[in-house]
Amino acid sequence: MPSSKQMDILWNLSDEVLYPEAVAFIHRLVDEEDCMPLPASQIAGLLNIANASSYSTLNLFIRHQCERDWQASKKDIKTFYVELDKLFTSIKNKRLREDFHLSSFGTNTKEINQEIDELMALVAHEFIQHLVTENMLLLVEKANQRARKW
């Protein structure tokens, strides 16, 4: 269970770091990589798994989505999950401890891994919530653009 100090850090990170990073992440994919925003069904599935699971379960879901054989028309979904996997791997392996100063040093590997899983579940959940919001705004924006063309 994260300490109150860790939770305070996480709440600050959510607004000050994770929100702008989530916005930048989805805009990079949409604006620079020319991907479409994720469809609502994918967003709902990602949010549901992030709300209801441990980080290891969320990570398995993301990796499964990366490894799926997506149709050409859905290649953007694969790109999204590949990039999300890279981002979360970076956070877990380096940023959680070095940049965010969230991870304490447990007494054994099992404790350390359990703490990292719990913290990553919280960080990923916060990031995904921001990502979902921005993705939905982009979906509405794209729909409005299509409507104006008619």
Protein backbone atom coordinates (compact mmCIF):
# COMPACT_ATOMS: atom_id res chain seq x y z
CA MET A 1 0.00 0.00 0.00
CA PRO A 2 1.47 3.36 -1.00
CA SER A 3 2.31 5.73 1.83
CA SER A 4 0.56 9.07 2.27
CA LYS A 5 3.75 10.79 1.05
CA GLN A 6 3.72 8.66 -2.10
CA MET A 7 0.04 9.46 -2.67
CA ASP A 8 0.73 13.20 -2.29
CA ILE A 9 3.52 12.93 -4.85
CA LEU A 10 1.23 10.97 -7.17
CA TRP A 11 -1.59 13.53 -6.97
CA ASN A 12 0.85 16.32 -7.82
CA LEU A 13 2.34 14.25 -10.64
CA SER A 14 -1.10 13.59 -12.06
CA ASP A 15 -1.80 17.26 -12.69
CA GLU A 16 1.69 18.60 -13.27
CA VAL A 17 3.38 15.79 -15.22
CA LEU A 18 1.02 13.00 -16.27
CA TYR A 19 -1.70 15.25 -17.69
CA PRO A 20 0.58 17.21 -20.05
CA GLU A 21 2.42 14.01 -20.99
CA ALA A 22 -0.85 12.22 -21.81
CA VAL A 23 -1.97 15.14 -23.96
CA ALA A 24 1.41 15.27 -25.72
CA PHE A 25 1.38 11.48 -26.20
CA ILE A 26 -1.97 11.34 -27.99
CA HIS A 27 -1.30 14.51 -30.00
CA ARG A 28 2.06 13.14 -31.15
CA LEU A 29 0.32 10.02 -32.43
CA VAL A 30 -2.53 11.92 -34.08
CA ASP A 31 -0.67 14.97 -35.38
CA GLU A 32 2.82 13.65 -36.10
CA GLU A 33 2.30 9.93 -36.70
CA ASP A 34 -0.97 10.58 -38.58
CA CYS A 35 -2.91 8.09 -36.46
CA MET A 36 -6.60 8.38 -35.76
CA PRO A 37 -7.68 8.79 -32.13
CA LEU A 38 -8.52 5.46 -30.52
CA PRO A 39 -12.10 4.34 -31.14
CA ALA A 40 -14.45 4.58 -28.17
CA SER A 41 -14.54 0.78 -27.77
CA GLN A 42 -10.75 0.63 -27.33
CA ILE A 43 -10.78 3.56 -24.91
CA ALA A 44 -13.54 1.93 -22.85
CA GLY A 45 -11.63 -1.36 -22.72
CA LEU A 46 -8.37 0.32 -21.73
CA LEU A 47 -10.05 2.39 -19.03
CA ASN A 48 -11.93 -0.64 -17.67
CA ILE A 49 -8.78 -2.72 -17.38
CA ALA A 50 -6.89 0.20 -15.81
CA ASN A 51 -9.67 0.70 -13.24
CA ALA A 52 -10.05 -2.92 -12.28
CA SER A 53 -6.64 -4.48 -12.33
CA SER A 54 -3.10 -4.60 -11.10
CA TYR A 55 -0.35 -3.15 -13.24
CA SER A 56 0.79 -6.62 -14.25
CA THR A 57 -2.70 -7.36 -15.62
CA LEU A 58 -2.82 -3.99 -17.39
CA ASN A 59 0.62 -4.64 -18.84
CA LEU A 60 -0.49 -8.06 -20.13
CA PHE A 61 -3.49 -6.42 -21.79
CA ILE A 62 -1.31 -3.75 -23.44
CA ARG A 63 1.19 -6.34 -24.66
CA HIS A 64 -1.61 -8.52 -25.99
CA GLN A 65 -2.90 -5.54 -27.96
CA CYS A 66 0.64 -4.90 -29.28
CA GLU A 67 1.00 -8.48 -30.45
CA ARG A 68 -2.42 -8.82 -32.07
CA ASP A 69 -2.58 -9.18 -35.82
CA TRP A 70 -4.53 -5.99 -36.54
CA GLN A 71 -6.21 -5.41 -39.89
CA ALA A 72 -4.57 -2.72 -42.02
CA SER A 73 -7.51 -0.42 -41.31
CA LYS A 74 -6.75 -0.69 -37.57
CA LYS A 75 -2.97 -0.32 -37.67
CA ASP A 76 -3.27 2.91 -35.66
CA ILE A 77 -4.56 0.90 -32.70
CA LYS A 78 -1.44 -1.27 -32.77
CA THR A 79 0.76 1.85 -33.01
CA PHE A 80 -1.01 3.31 -29.98
CA TYR A 81 -0.43 0.23 -27.83
CA VAL A 82 3.19 -0.19 -28.94
CA GLU A 83 3.91 3.42 -27.96
CA LEU A 84 1.98 3.09 -24.68
CA ASP A 85 3.98 -0.03 -23.82
CA LYS A 86 7.24 1.84 -24.46
CA LEU A 87 6.11 4.74 -22.29
CA PHE A 88 5.01 2.58 -19.36
CA THR A 89 8.20 0.51 -19.59
CA SER A 90 10.22 3.72 -19.33
CA ILE A 91 8.21 4.89 -16.34
CA LYS A 92 8.52 1.53 -14.58
CA ASN A 93 12.22 0.99 -15.25
CA LYS A 94 13.53 4.49 -14.66
CA ARG A 95 11.15 7.35 -14.05
CA LEU A 96 9.19 5.87 -11.14
CA ARG A 97 12.24 6.02 -8.90
CA GLU A 98 14.57 8.56 -10.52
CA ASP A 99 12.21 11.22 -11.86
CA PHE A 100 9.08 10.82 -9.76
CA HIS A 101 10.82 9.75 -6.51
CA LEU A 102 7.93 7.45 -5.74
CA SER A 103 9.59 4.12 -5.14
CA SER A 104 11.21 3.48 -1.79
CA PHE A 105 13.79 0.81 -1.38
CA GLY A 106 12.17 -2.35 -0.01
CA THR A 107 14.06 -4.94 1.94
CA ASN A 108 13.72 -7.71 -0.62
CA THR A 109 12.95 -8.21 -4.29
CA LYS A 110 9.39 -9.38 -3.65
CA GLU A 111 8.57 -6.24 -1.64
CA ILE A 112 10.20 -3.98 -4.22
CA ASN A 113 8.31 -5.63 -7.10
CA GLN A 114 5.02 -5.45 -5.20
CA GLU A 115 5.53 -1.76 -4.45
CA ILE A 116 6.45 -1.03 -8.07
CA ASP A 117 3.35 -2.91 -9.30
CA GLU A 118 1.10 -0.94 -6.93
CA LEU A 119 2.67 2.40 -7.85
CA MET A 120 2.62 1.64 -11.57
CA ALA A 121 -1.07 0.72 -11.35
CA LEU A 122 -1.77 4.14 -9.84
CA VAL A 123 0.49 6.06 -12.24
CA ALA A 124 -0.90 4.19 -15.26
CA HIS A 125 -4.47 4.78 -14.08
CA GLU A 126 -3.89 8.52 -13.75
CA PHE A 127 -2.15 8.69 -17.13
CA ILE A 128 -4.89 6.67 -18.84
CA GLN A 129 -7.64 8.86 -17.37
CA HIS A 130 -5.98 11.96 -18.85
CA LEU A 131 -5.35 10.12 -22.11
CA VAL A 132 -8.99 9.02 -22.38
CA THR A 133 -10.21 12.58 -21.89
CA GLU A 134 -7.91 14.04 -24.53
CA ASN A 135 -8.64 11.18 -26.94
CA MET A 136 -12.38 11.80 -26.59
CA LEU A 137 -11.85 15.50 -27.31
CA LEU A 138 -9.92 14.56 -30.45
CA LEU A 139 -12.69 12.18 -31.53
CA VAL A 140 -15.25 14.98 -31.17
CA GLU A 141 -12.97 17.38 -33.04
CA LYS A 142 -12.54 14.89 -35.91
CA ALA A 143 -16.31 14.30 -36.05
CA ASN A 144 -16.93 18.05 -36.18
CA GLN A 145 -14.40 18.42 -39.00
CA ARG A 146 -16.16 15.68 -40.99
CA ALA A 147 -19.55 17.31 -40.35
CA ARG A 148 -18.31 20.69 -41.61
CA LYS A 149 -17.14 19.06 -44.85
CA TRP A 150 -20.71 18.00 -45.62
